[in-house]
């Protein structure tokens, strides 16, 4: 509905009023509608979230894999936290290794 109002040429305030009159208490916050208007002005026309890669994969590299292997061979009772502190990478990355 927000995109429809945008395409009709309504401004942000008119759209917010229209949505509030249609949905009442169930209407999204004005700030959210204003953000979407800004996105539509930037030519983003789909309301789906944009794909994001997430965290960088740079921590799972051969150097860190070798370092973890050496640490485990030196002390098989080492913990995730010790490896995490030594390499400066997250436990999730260590688990991936």
PDB file of N, CA and C in Angstrom:
ATOM      1  N   UNK A   1       0.824  -1.185   0.000  1.00  0.00           N
ATOM      2  CA  UNK A   1       0.000   0.000   0.000  1.00  0.00           C
ATOM      3  C   UNK A   1       0.876   1.261   0.000  1.00  0.00           C
ATOM      4  N   UNK A   2       1.994   1.198   0.710  1.00  0.00           N
ATOM      5  CA  UNK A   2       2.900   2.346   0.756  1.00  0.00           C
ATOM      6  C   UNK A   2       3.466   2.605  -0.638  1.00  0.00           C
ATOM      7  N   UNK A   3       3.874   1.532  -1.321  1.00  0.00           N
ATOM      8  CA  UNK A   3       4.408   1.694  -2.669  1.00  0.00           C
ATOM      9  C   UNK A   3       3.326   2.222  -3.613  1.00  0.00           C
ATOM     10  N   UNK A   4       2.115   1.726  -3.454  1.00  0.00           N
ATOM     11  CA  UNK A   4       0.998   2.198  -4.274  1.00  0.00           C
ATOM     12  C   UNK A   4       0.791   3.698  -4.077  1.00  0.00           C
ATOM     13  N   UNK A   5       0.784   4.135  -2.817  1.00  0.00           N
ATOM     14  CA  UNK A   5       0.623   5.570  -2.539  1.00  0.00           C
ATOM     15  C   UNK A   5       1.792   6.374  -3.098  1.00  0.00           C
ATOM     16  N   UNK A   6       2.987   5.815  -3.018  1.00  0.00           N
ATOM     17  CA  UNK A   6       4.161   6.473  -3.590  1.00  0.00           C
ATOM     18  C   UNK A   6       3.979   6.652  -5.094  1.00  0.00           C
ATOM     19  N   UNK A   7       3.538   5.581  -5.765  1.00  0.00           N
ATOM     20  CA  UNK A   7       3.330   5.641  -7.212  1.00  0.00           C
ATOM     21  C   UNK A   7       2.197   6.595  -7.596  1.00  0.00           C
ATOM     22  N   UNK A   8       1.215   6.751  -6.710  1.00  0.00           N
ATOM     23  CA  UNK A   8       0.108   7.685  -6.961  1.00  0.00           C
ATOM     24  C   UNK A   8       0.546   9.132  -6.832  1.00  0.00           C
ATOM     25  N   UNK A   9       1.722   9.351  -6.255  1.00  0.00           N
ATOM     26  CA  UNK A   9       2.233  10.707  -6.125  1.00  0.00           C
ATOM     27  C   UNK A   9       1.935  11.356  -4.787  1.00  0.00           C
ATOM     28  N   UNK A  10       1.457  10.564  -3.824  1.00  0.00           N
ATOM     29  CA  UNK A  10       1.221  11.122  -2.494  1.00  0.00           C
ATOM     30  C   UNK A  10       2.557  11.382  -1.812  1.00  0.00           C
ATOM     31  N   UNK A  11       2.582  12.358  -0.910  1.00  0.00           N
ATOM     32  CA  UNK A  11       3.804  12.580  -0.143  1.00  0.00           C
ATOM     33  C   UNK A  11       3.786  11.674   1.087  1.00  0.00           C
ATOM     34  N   UNK A  12       4.851  11.731   1.860  1.00  0.00           N
ATOM     35  CA  UNK A  12       4.981  10.839   3.017  1.00  0.00           C
ATOM     36  C   UNK A  12       3.851  11.031   4.017  1.00  0.00           C
ATOM     37  N   UNK A  13       3.523  12.255   4.309  1.00  0.00           N
ATOM     38  CA  UNK A  13       2.483  12.538   5.297  1.00  0.00           C
ATOM     39  C   UNK A  13       1.123  12.042   4.811  1.00  0.00           C
ATOM     40  N   UNK A  14       0.808  12.280   3.550  1.00  0.00           N
ATOM     41  CA  UNK A  14      -0.467  11.822   3.004  1.00  0.00           C
ATOM     42  C   UNK A  14      -0.553  10.299   3.038  1.00  0.00           C
ATOM     43  N   UNK A  15       0.549   9.643   2.715  1.00  0.00           N
ATOM     44  CA  UNK A  15       0.585   8.182   2.764  1.00  0.00           C
ATOM     45  C   UNK A  15       0.383   7.690   4.192  1.00  0.00           C
ATOM     46  N   UNK A  16       1.070   8.307   5.146  1.00  0.00           N
ATOM     47  CA  UNK A  16       0.934   7.907   6.552  1.00  0.00           C
ATOM     48  C   UNK A  16      -0.505   8.081   7.017  1.00  0.00           C
ATOM     49  N   UNK A  17      -1.139   9.170   6.632  1.00  0.00           N
ATOM     50  CA  UNK A  17      -2.538   9.394   7.006  1.00  0.00           C
ATOM     51  C   UNK A  17      -3.445   8.349   6.372  1.00  0.00           C
ATOM     52  N   UNK A  18      -3.197   8.029   5.106  1.00  0.00           N
ATOM     53  CA  UNK A  18      -3.998   7.037   4.385  1.00  0.00           C
ATOM     54  C   UNK A  18      -3.878   5.659   5.044  1.00  0.00           C
ATOM     55  N   UNK A  19      -2.660   5.256   5.349  1.00  0.00           N
ATOM     56  CA  UNK A  19      -2.432   3.949   5.975  1.00  0.00           C
ATOM     57  C   UNK A  19      -3.054   3.916   7.367  1.00  0.00           C
ATOM     58  N   UNK A  20      -2.911   4.995   8.131  1.00  0.00           N
ATOM     59  CA  UNK A  20      -3.490   5.054   9.478  1.00  0.00           C
ATOM     60  C   UNK A  20      -5.009   4.970   9.421  1.00  0.00           C
ATOM     61  N   UNK A  21      -5.630   5.625   8.444  1.00  0.00           N
ATOM     62  CA  UNK A  21      -7.094   5.567   8.353  1.00  0.00           C
ATOM     63  C   UNK A  21      -7.565   4.184   7.915  1.00  0.00           C
ATOM     64  N   UNK A  22      -6.744   3.483   7.137  1.00  0.00           N
ATOM     65  CA  UNK A  22      -7.119   2.146   6.674  1.00  0.00           C
ATOM     66  C   UNK A  22      -6.891   1.086   7.746  1.00  0.00           C
ATOM     67  N   UNK A  23      -5.730   1.125   8.399  1.00  0.00           N
ATOM     68  CA  UNK A  23      -5.360   0.062   9.330  1.00  0.00           C
ATOM     69  C   UNK A  23      -5.550   0.421  10.798  1.00  0.00           C
ATOM     70  N   UNK A  24      -5.782   1.656  11.104  1.00  0.00           N
ATOM     71  CA  UNK A  24      -5.995   2.069  12.491  1.00  0.00           C
ATOM     72  C   UNK A  24      -4.789   1.772  13.358  1.00  0.00           C
ATOM     73  N   UNK A  25      -5.021   1.087  14.477  1.00  0.00           N
ATOM     74  CA  UNK A  25      -3.940   0.763  15.416  1.00  0.00           C
ATOM     75  C   UNK A  25      -2.939  -0.249  14.856  1.00  0.00           C
ATOM     76  N   UNK A  26      -3.321  -0.956  13.819  1.00  0.00           N
ATOM     77  CA  UNK A  26      -2.444  -1.967  13.220  1.00  0.00           C
ATOM     78  C   UNK A  26      -1.471  -1.370  12.199  1.00  0.00           C
ATOM     79  N   UNK A  27      -1.573  -0.085  11.940  1.00  0.00           N
ATOM     80  CA  UNK A  27      -0.714   0.573  10.944  1.00  0.00           C
ATOM     81  C   UNK A  27       0.735   0.591  11.425  1.00  0.00           C
ATOM     82  N   UNK A  28       1.684   0.470  10.492  1.00  0.00           N
ATOM     83  CA  UNK A  28       3.096   0.570  10.891  1.00  0.00           C
ATOM     84  C   UNK A  28       3.421   1.983  11.364  1.00  0.00           C
ATOM     85  N   UNK A  29       4.503   2.104  12.099  1.00  0.00           N
ATOM     86  CA  UNK A  29       4.929   3.418  12.579  1.00  0.00           C
ATOM     87  C   UNK A  29       5.232   4.336  11.402  1.00  0.00           C
ATOM     88  N   UNK A  30       5.012   5.621  11.621  1.00  0.00           N
ATOM     89  CA  UNK A  30       5.277   6.616  10.575  1.00  0.00           C
ATOM     90  C   UNK A  30       6.738   6.562  10.122  1.00  0.00           C
ATOM     91  N   UNK A  31       7.633   6.383  11.068  1.00  0.00           N
ATOM     92  CA  UNK A  31       9.058   6.351  10.725  1.00  0.00           C
ATOM     93  C   UNK A  31       9.359   5.241   9.720  1.00  0.00           C
ATOM     94  N   UNK A  32       8.706   4.102   9.873  1.00  0.00           N
ATOM     95  CA  UNK A  32       8.911   2.992   8.943  1.00  0.00           C
ATOM     96  C   UNK A  32       8.414   3.370   7.562  1.00  0.00           C
ATOM     97  N   UNK A  33       7.246   3.997   7.512  1.00  0.00           N
ATOM     98  CA  UNK A  33       6.708   4.419   6.216  1.00  0.00           C
ATOM     99  C   UNK A  33       7.610   5.464   5.567  1.00  0.00           C
ATOM    100  N   UNK A  34       8.132   6.376   6.366  1.00  0.00           N
ATOM    101  CA  UNK A  34       9.017   7.404   5.825  1.00  0.00           C
ATOM    102  C   UNK A  34      10.305   6.773   5.283  1.00  0.00           C
ATOM    103  N   UNK A  35      10.814   5.762   5.975  1.00  0.00           N
ATOM    104  CA  UNK A  35      12.010   5.060   5.497  1.00  0.00           C
ATOM    105  C   UNK A  35      11.734   4.379   4.160  1.00  0.00           C
ATOM    106  N   UNK A  36      10.560   3.749   4.045  1.00  0.00           N
ATOM    107  CA  UNK A  36      10.223   3.101   2.780  1.00  0.00           C
ATOM    108  C   UNK A  36      10.088   4.117   1.664  1.00  0.00           C
ATOM    109  N   UNK A  37       9.514   5.272   1.957  1.00  0.00           N
ATOM    110  CA  UNK A  37       9.423   6.318   0.940  1.00  0.00           C
ATOM    111  C   UNK A  37      10.819   6.701   0.461  1.00  0.00           C
ATOM    112  N   UNK A  38      11.744   6.817   1.380  1.00  0.00           N
ATOM    113  CA  UNK A  38      13.126   7.143   1.007  1.00  0.00           C
ATOM    114  C   UNK A  38      13.717   6.055   0.120  1.00  0.00           C
ATOM    115  N   UNK A  39      13.442   4.800   0.456  1.00  0.00           N
ATOM    116  CA  UNK A  39      13.932   3.689  -0.363  1.00  0.00           C
ATOM    117  C   UNK A  39      13.327   3.738  -1.762  1.00  0.00           C
ATOM    118  N   UNK A  40      12.049   4.035  -1.857  1.00  0.00           N
ATOM    119  CA  UNK A  40      11.400   4.114  -3.166  1.00  0.00           C
ATOM    120  C   UNK A  40      11.978   5.257  -3.990  1.00  0.00           C
ATOM    121  N   UNK A  41      12.338   6.350  -3.349  1.00  0.00           N
ATOM    122  CA  UNK A  41      12.971   7.460  -4.062  1.00  0.00           C
ATOM    123  C   UNK A  41      14.342   7.059  -4.603  1.00  0.00           C
ATOM    124  N   UNK A  42      14.988   6.104  -3.939  1.00  0.00           N
ATOM    125  CA  UNK A  42      16.295   5.606  -4.392  1.00  0.00           C
ATOM    126  C   UNK A  42      16.153   4.495  -5.424  1.00  0.00           C
ATOM    127  N   UNK A  43      14.944   4.307  -5.919  1.00  0.00           N
ATOM    128  CA  UNK A  43      14.633   3.317  -6.965  1.00  0.00           C
ATOM    129  C   UNK A  43      14.558   1.890  -6.452  1.00  0.00           C
ATOM    130  N   UNK A  44      14.464   1.689  -5.165  1.00  0.00           N
ATOM    131  CA  UNK A  44      14.248   0.348  -4.643  1.00  0.00           C
ATOM    132  C   UNK A  44      12.748   0.117  -4.643  1.00  0.00           C
ATOM    133  N   UNK A  45      12.290  -0.846  -5.424  1.00  0.00           N
ATOM    134  CA  UNK A  45      10.848  -1.007  -5.605  1.00  0.00           C
ATOM    135  C   UNK A  45      10.287  -2.281  -4.996  1.00  0.00           C
ATOM    136  N   UNK A  46      11.136  -3.163  -4.496  1.00  0.00           N
ATOM    137  CA  UNK A  46      10.642  -4.397  -3.894  1.00  0.00           C
ATOM    138  C   UNK A  46      10.770  -4.322  -2.380  1.00  0.00           C
ATOM    139  N   UNK A  47       9.719  -4.686  -1.666  1.00  0.00           N
ATOM    140  CA  UNK A  47       9.766  -4.573  -0.205  1.00  0.00           C
ATOM    141  C   UNK A  47      10.542  -5.684   0.494  1.00  0.00           C
ATOM    142  N   UNK A  48      11.054  -6.672  -0.254  1.00  0.00           N
ATOM    143  CA  UNK A  48      11.813  -7.739   0.391  1.00  0.00           C
ATOM    144  C   UNK A  48      13.139  -7.196   0.898  1.00  0.00           C
ATOM    145  N   UNK A  49      13.660  -7.869   1.900  1.00  0.00           N
ATOM    146  CA  UNK A  49      14.979  -7.508   2.405  1.00  0.00           C
ATOM    147  C   UNK A  49      16.016  -7.823   1.338  1.00  0.00           C
ATOM    148  N   UNK A  50      17.008  -6.984   1.258  1.00  0.00           N
ATOM    149  CA  UNK A  50      18.082  -7.233   0.317  1.00  0.00           C
ATOM    150  C   UNK A  50      18.981  -8.325   0.864  1.00  0.00           C
ATOM    151  N   UNK A  51      19.555  -9.109  -0.043  1.00  0.00           N
ATOM    152  CA  UNK A  51      20.447 -10.182   0.364  1.00  0.00           C
ATOM    153  C   UNK A  51      21.721  -9.599   0.949  1.00  0.00           C
ATOM    154  N   UNK A  52      22.124 -10.150   2.065  1.00  0.00           N
ATOM    155  CA  UNK A  52      23.375  -9.737   2.697  1.00  0.00           C
ATOM    156  C   UNK A  52      24.209 -10.972   2.940  1.00  0.00           C
ATOM    157  N   UNK A  53      25.468 -10.832   2.732  1.00  0.00           N
ATOM    158  CA  UNK A  53      26.388 -11.949   2.885  1.00  0.00           C
ATOM    159  C   UNK A  53      26.546 -12.383   4.331  1.00  0.00           C
ATOM    160  N   UNK A  54      26.376 -11.479   5.252  1.00  0.00           N
ATOM    161  CA  UNK A  54      26.647 -11.804   6.640  1.00  0.00           C
ATOM    162  C   UNK A  54      28.094 -11.502   6.967  1.00  0.00           C
ATOM    163  N   UNK A  55      28.609 -12.198   7.925  1.00  0.00           N
ATOM    164  CA  UNK A  55      29.986 -11.957   8.336  1.00  0.00           C
ATOM    165  C   UNK A  55      30.972 -12.367   7.267  1.00  0.00           C
ATOM    166  N   UNK A  56      32.049 -11.687   7.245  1.00  0.00           N
ATOM    167  CA  UNK A  56      33.108 -11.976   6.291  1.00  0.00           C
ATOM    168  C   UNK A  56      33.660 -13.376   6.521  1.00  0.00           C
ATOM    169  N   UNK A  57      33.998 -14.051   5.448  1.00  0.00           N
ATOM    170  CA  UNK A  57      34.552 -15.398   5.536  1.00  0.00           C
ATOM    171  C   UNK A  57      36.065 -15.368   5.713  1.00  0.00           C
ATOM    172  N   UNK A  58      36.629 -14.195   5.896  1.00  0.00           N
ATOM    173  CA  UNK A  58      38.080 -14.057   5.939  1.00  0.00           C
ATOM    174  C   UNK A  58      38.726 -14.764   7.123  1.00  0.00           C
ATOM    175  N   UNK A  59      37.971 -15.131   8.138  1.00  0.00           N
ATOM    176  CA  UNK A  59      38.558 -15.794   9.301  1.00  0.00           C
ATOM    177  C   UNK A  59      38.841 -17.267   9.019  1.00  0.00           C
ATOM    178  N   UNK A  60      38.080 -17.866   8.104  1.00  0.00           N
ATOM    179  CA  UNK A  60      38.288 -19.274   7.778  1.00  0.00           C
ATOM    180  C   UNK A  60      39.202 -19.338   6.551  1.00  0.00           C
ATOM    181  N   UNK A  61      40.476 -19.188   6.829  1.00  0.00           N
ATOM    182  CA  UNK A  61      41.501 -19.192   5.780  1.00  0.00           C
ATOM    183  C   UNK A  61      42.542 -20.250   6.131  1.00  0.00           C
ATOM    184  N   UNK A  62      43.316 -20.682   5.159  1.00  0.00           N
ATOM    185  CA  UNK A  62      44.304 -21.738   5.425  1.00  0.00           C
ATOM    186  C   UNK A  62      45.238 -21.444   6.602  1.00  0.00           C
ATOM    187  N   UNK A  63      45.629 -20.180   6.772  1.00  0.00           N
ATOM    188  CA  UNK A  63      46.537 -19.844   7.878  1.00  0.00           C
ATOM    189  C   UNK A  63      45.887 -20.146   9.232  1.00  0.00           C
ATOM    190  N   UNK A  64      44.617 -19.765   9.382  1.00  0.00           N
ATOM    191  CA  UNK A  64      43.923 -20.023  10.650  1.00  0.00           C
ATOM    192  C   UNK A  64      43.634 -21.505  10.827  1.00  0.00           C
ATOM    193  N   UNK A  65      43.336 -22.193   9.747  1.00  0.00           N
ATOM    194  CA  UNK A  65      43.096 -23.638   9.836  1.00  0.00           C
ATOM    195  C   UNK A  65      44.356 -24.341  10.321  1.00  0.00           C
ATOM    196  N   UNK A  66      45.501 -23.971   9.748  1.00  0.00           N
ATOM    197  CA  UNK A  66      46.772 -24.567  10.186  1.00  0.00           C
ATOM    198  C   UNK A  66      47.079 -24.218  11.635  1.00  0.00           C
ATOM    199  N   UNK A  67      46.801 -22.977  12.025  1.00  0.00           N
ATOM    200  CA  UNK A  67      47.059 -22.555  13.405  1.00  0.00           C
ATOM    201  C   UNK A  67      46.195 -23.340  14.385  1.00  0.00           C
ATOM    202  N   UNK A  68      44.933 -23.551  14.048  1.00  0.00           N
ATOM    203  CA  UNK A  68      44.046 -24.336  14.928  1.00  0.00           C
ATOM    204  C   UNK A  68      44.543 -25.771  15.011  1.00  0.00           C
ATOM    205  N   UNK A  69      44.952 -26.331  13.880  1.00  0.00           N
ATOM    206  CA  UNK A  69      45.468 -27.703  13.872  1.00  0.00           C
ATOM    207  C   UNK A  69      46.686 -27.825  14.794  1.00  0.00           C
ATOM    208  N   UNK A  70      47.607 -26.859  14.712  1.00  0.00           N
ATOM    209  CA  UNK A  70      48.801 -26.891  15.562  1.00  0.00           C
ATOM    210  C   UNK A  70      48.442 -26.754  17.035  1.00  0.00           C
ATOM    211  N   UNK A  71      47.504 -25.846  17.335  1.00  0.00           N
ATOM    212  CA  UNK A  71      47.087 -25.672  18.731  1.00  0.00           C
ATOM    213  C   UNK A  71      46.479 -26.952  19.288  1.00  0.00           C
ATOM    214  N   UNK A  72      45.680 -27.628  18.485  1.00  0.00           N
ATOM    215  CA  UNK A  72      45.047 -28.866  18.945  1.00  0.00           C
ATOM    216  C   UNK A  72      46.088 -29.967  19.124  1.00  0.00           C
ATOM    217  N   UNK A  73      47.060 -30.035  18.220  1.00  0.00           N
ATOM    218  CA  UNK A  73      48.112 -31.045  18.354  1.00  0.00           C
ATOM    219  C   UNK A  73      48.985 -30.793  19.581  1.00  0.00           C
ATOM    220  N   UNK A  74      49.209 -29.512  19.909  1.00  0.00           N
ATOM    221  CA  UNK A  74      50.008 -29.176  21.085  1.00  0.00           C
ATOM    222  C   UNK A  74      49.256 -29.470  22.373  1.00  0.00           C
ATOM    223  N   UNK A  75      47.961 -29.156  22.384  1.00  0.00           N
ATOM    224  CA  UNK A  75      47.159 -29.346  23.598  1.00  0.00           C
ATOM    225  C   UNK A  75      45.753 -29.765  23.186  1.00  0.00           C
ATOM    226  N   UNK A  76      45.522 -31.065  23.233  1.00  0.00           N
ATOM    227  CA  UNK A  76      44.217 -31.571  22.786  1.00  0.00           C
ATOM    228  C   UNK A  76      43.087 -31.207  23.751  1.00  0.00           C
ATOM    229  N   UNK A  77      43.418 -30.628  24.894  1.00  0.00           N
ATOM    230  CA  UNK A  77      42.394 -30.212  25.857  1.00  0.00           C
ATOM    231  C   UNK A  77      42.110 -28.713  25.787  1.00  0.00           C
ATOM    232  N   UNK A  78      42.625 -28.059  24.769  1.00  0.00           N
ATOM    233  CA  UNK A  78      42.381 -26.624  24.602  1.00  0.00           C
ATOM    234  C   UNK A  78      40.899 -26.352  24.352  1.00  0.00           C
ATOM    235  N   UNK A  79      40.457 -25.203  24.789  1.00  0.00           N
ATOM    236  CA  UNK A  79      39.041 -24.859  24.646  1.00  0.00           C
ATOM    237  C   UNK A  79      38.829 -23.899  23.475  1.00  0.00           C
ATOM    238  N   UNK A  80      37.581 -23.788  23.082  1.00  0.00           N
ATOM    239  CA  UNK A  80      37.217 -22.826  22.041  1.00  0.00           C
ATOM    240  C   UNK A  80      37.657 -21.421  22.439  1.00  0.00           C
ATOM    241  N   UNK A  81      37.445 -21.086  23.693  1.00  0.00           N
ATOM    242  CA  UNK A  81      37.789 -19.731  24.153  1.00  0.00           C
ATOM    243  C   UNK A  81      39.283 -19.456  24.062  1.00  0.00           C
ATOM    244  N   UNK A  82      40.089 -20.450  24.349  1.00  0.00           N
ATOM    245  CA  UNK A  82      41.537 -20.269  24.237  1.00  0.00           C
ATOM    246  C   UNK A  82      41.943 -20.056  22.776  1.00  0.00           C
ATOM    247  N   UNK A  83      41.373 -20.858  21.898  1.00  0.00           N
ATOM    248  CA  UNK A  83      41.675 -20.711  20.467  1.00  0.00           C
ATOM    249  C   UNK A  83      41.163 -19.370  19.963  1.00  0.00           C
ATOM    250  N   UNK A  84      39.968 -19.014  20.405  1.00  0.00           N
ATOM    251  CA  UNK A  84      39.361 -17.732  20.026  1.00  0.00           C
ATOM    252  C   UNK A  84      40.256 -16.567  20.445  1.00  0.00           C
ATOM    253  N   UNK A  85      40.757 -16.619  21.674  1.00  0.00           N
ATOM    254  CA  UNK A  85      41.617 -15.544  22.178  1.00  0.00           C
ATOM    255  C   UNK A  85      42.955 -15.519  21.439  1.00  0.00           C
ATOM    256  N   UNK A  86      43.503 -16.680  21.149  1.00  0.00           N
ATOM    257  CA  UNK A  86      44.802 -16.762  20.486  1.00  0.00           C
ATOM    258  C   UNK A  86      44.747 -16.231  19.054  1.00  0.00           C
ATOM    259  N   UNK A  87      43.702 -16.610  18.320  1.00  0.00           N
ATOM    260  CA  UNK A  87      43.601 -16.220  16.909  1.00  0.00           C
ATOM    261  C   UNK A  87      42.807 -14.936  16.685  1.00  0.00           C
ATOM    262  N   UNK A  88      41.983 -14.568  17.659  1.00  0.00           N
ATOM    263  CA  UNK A  88      41.164 -13.371  17.500  1.00  0.00           C
ATOM    264  C   UNK A  88      40.007 -13.560  16.536  1.00  0.00           C
ATOM    265  N   UNK A  89      39.478 -14.787  16.470  1.00  0.00           N
ATOM    266  CA  UNK A  89      38.315 -15.048  15.620  1.00  0.00           C
ATOM    267  C   UNK A  89      37.195 -15.624  16.475  1.00  0.00           C
ATOM    268  N   UNK A  90      35.986 -15.611  15.943  1.00  0.00           N
ATOM    269  CA  UNK A  90      34.823 -16.044  16.721  1.00  0.00           C
ATOM    270  C   UNK A  90      34.777 -17.562  16.859  1.00  0.00           C
ATOM    271  N   UNK A  91      34.036 -18.022  17.863  1.00  0.00           N
ATOM    272  CA  UNK A  91      33.894 -19.461  18.070  1.00  0.00           C
ATOM    273  C   UNK A  91      33.131 -20.106  16.919  1.00  0.00           C
ATOM    274  N   UNK A  92      32.268 -19.350  16.262  1.00  0.00           N
ATOM    275  CA  UNK A  92      31.549 -19.874  15.097  1.00  0.00           C
ATOM    276  C   UNK A  92      32.530 -20.201  13.978  1.00  0.00           C
ATOM    277  N   UNK A  93      33.490 -19.321  13.765  1.00  0.00           N
ATOM    278  CA  UNK A  93      34.516 -19.576  12.746  1.00  0.00           C
ATOM    279  C   UNK A  93      35.378 -20.766  13.141  1.00  0.00           C
ATOM    280  N   UNK A  94      35.700 -20.854  14.406  1.00  0.00           N
ATOM    281  CA  UNK A  94      36.504 -21.984  14.883  1.00  0.00           C
ATOM    282  C   UNK A  94      35.738 -23.278  14.662  1.00  0.00           C
ATOM    283  N   UNK A  95      34.449 -23.259  14.929  1.00  0.00           N
ATOM    284  CA  UNK A  95      33.618 -24.446  14.716  1.00  0.00           C
ATOM    285  C   UNK A  95      33.600 -24.824  13.231  1.00  0.00           C
ATOM    286  N   UNK A  96      33.589 -23.828  12.354  1.00  0.00           N
ATOM    287  CA  UNK A  96      33.618 -24.094  10.905  1.00  0.00           C
ATOM    288  C   UNK A  96      34.922 -24.753  10.490  1.00  0.00           C
ATOM    289  N   UNK A  97      35.991 -24.375  11.178  1.00  0.00           N
ATOM    290  CA  UNK A  97      37.312 -24.939  10.858  1.00  0.00           C
ATOM    291  C   UNK A  97      37.343 -26.383  11.313  1.00  0.00           C
TER     292      UNK A  97
END
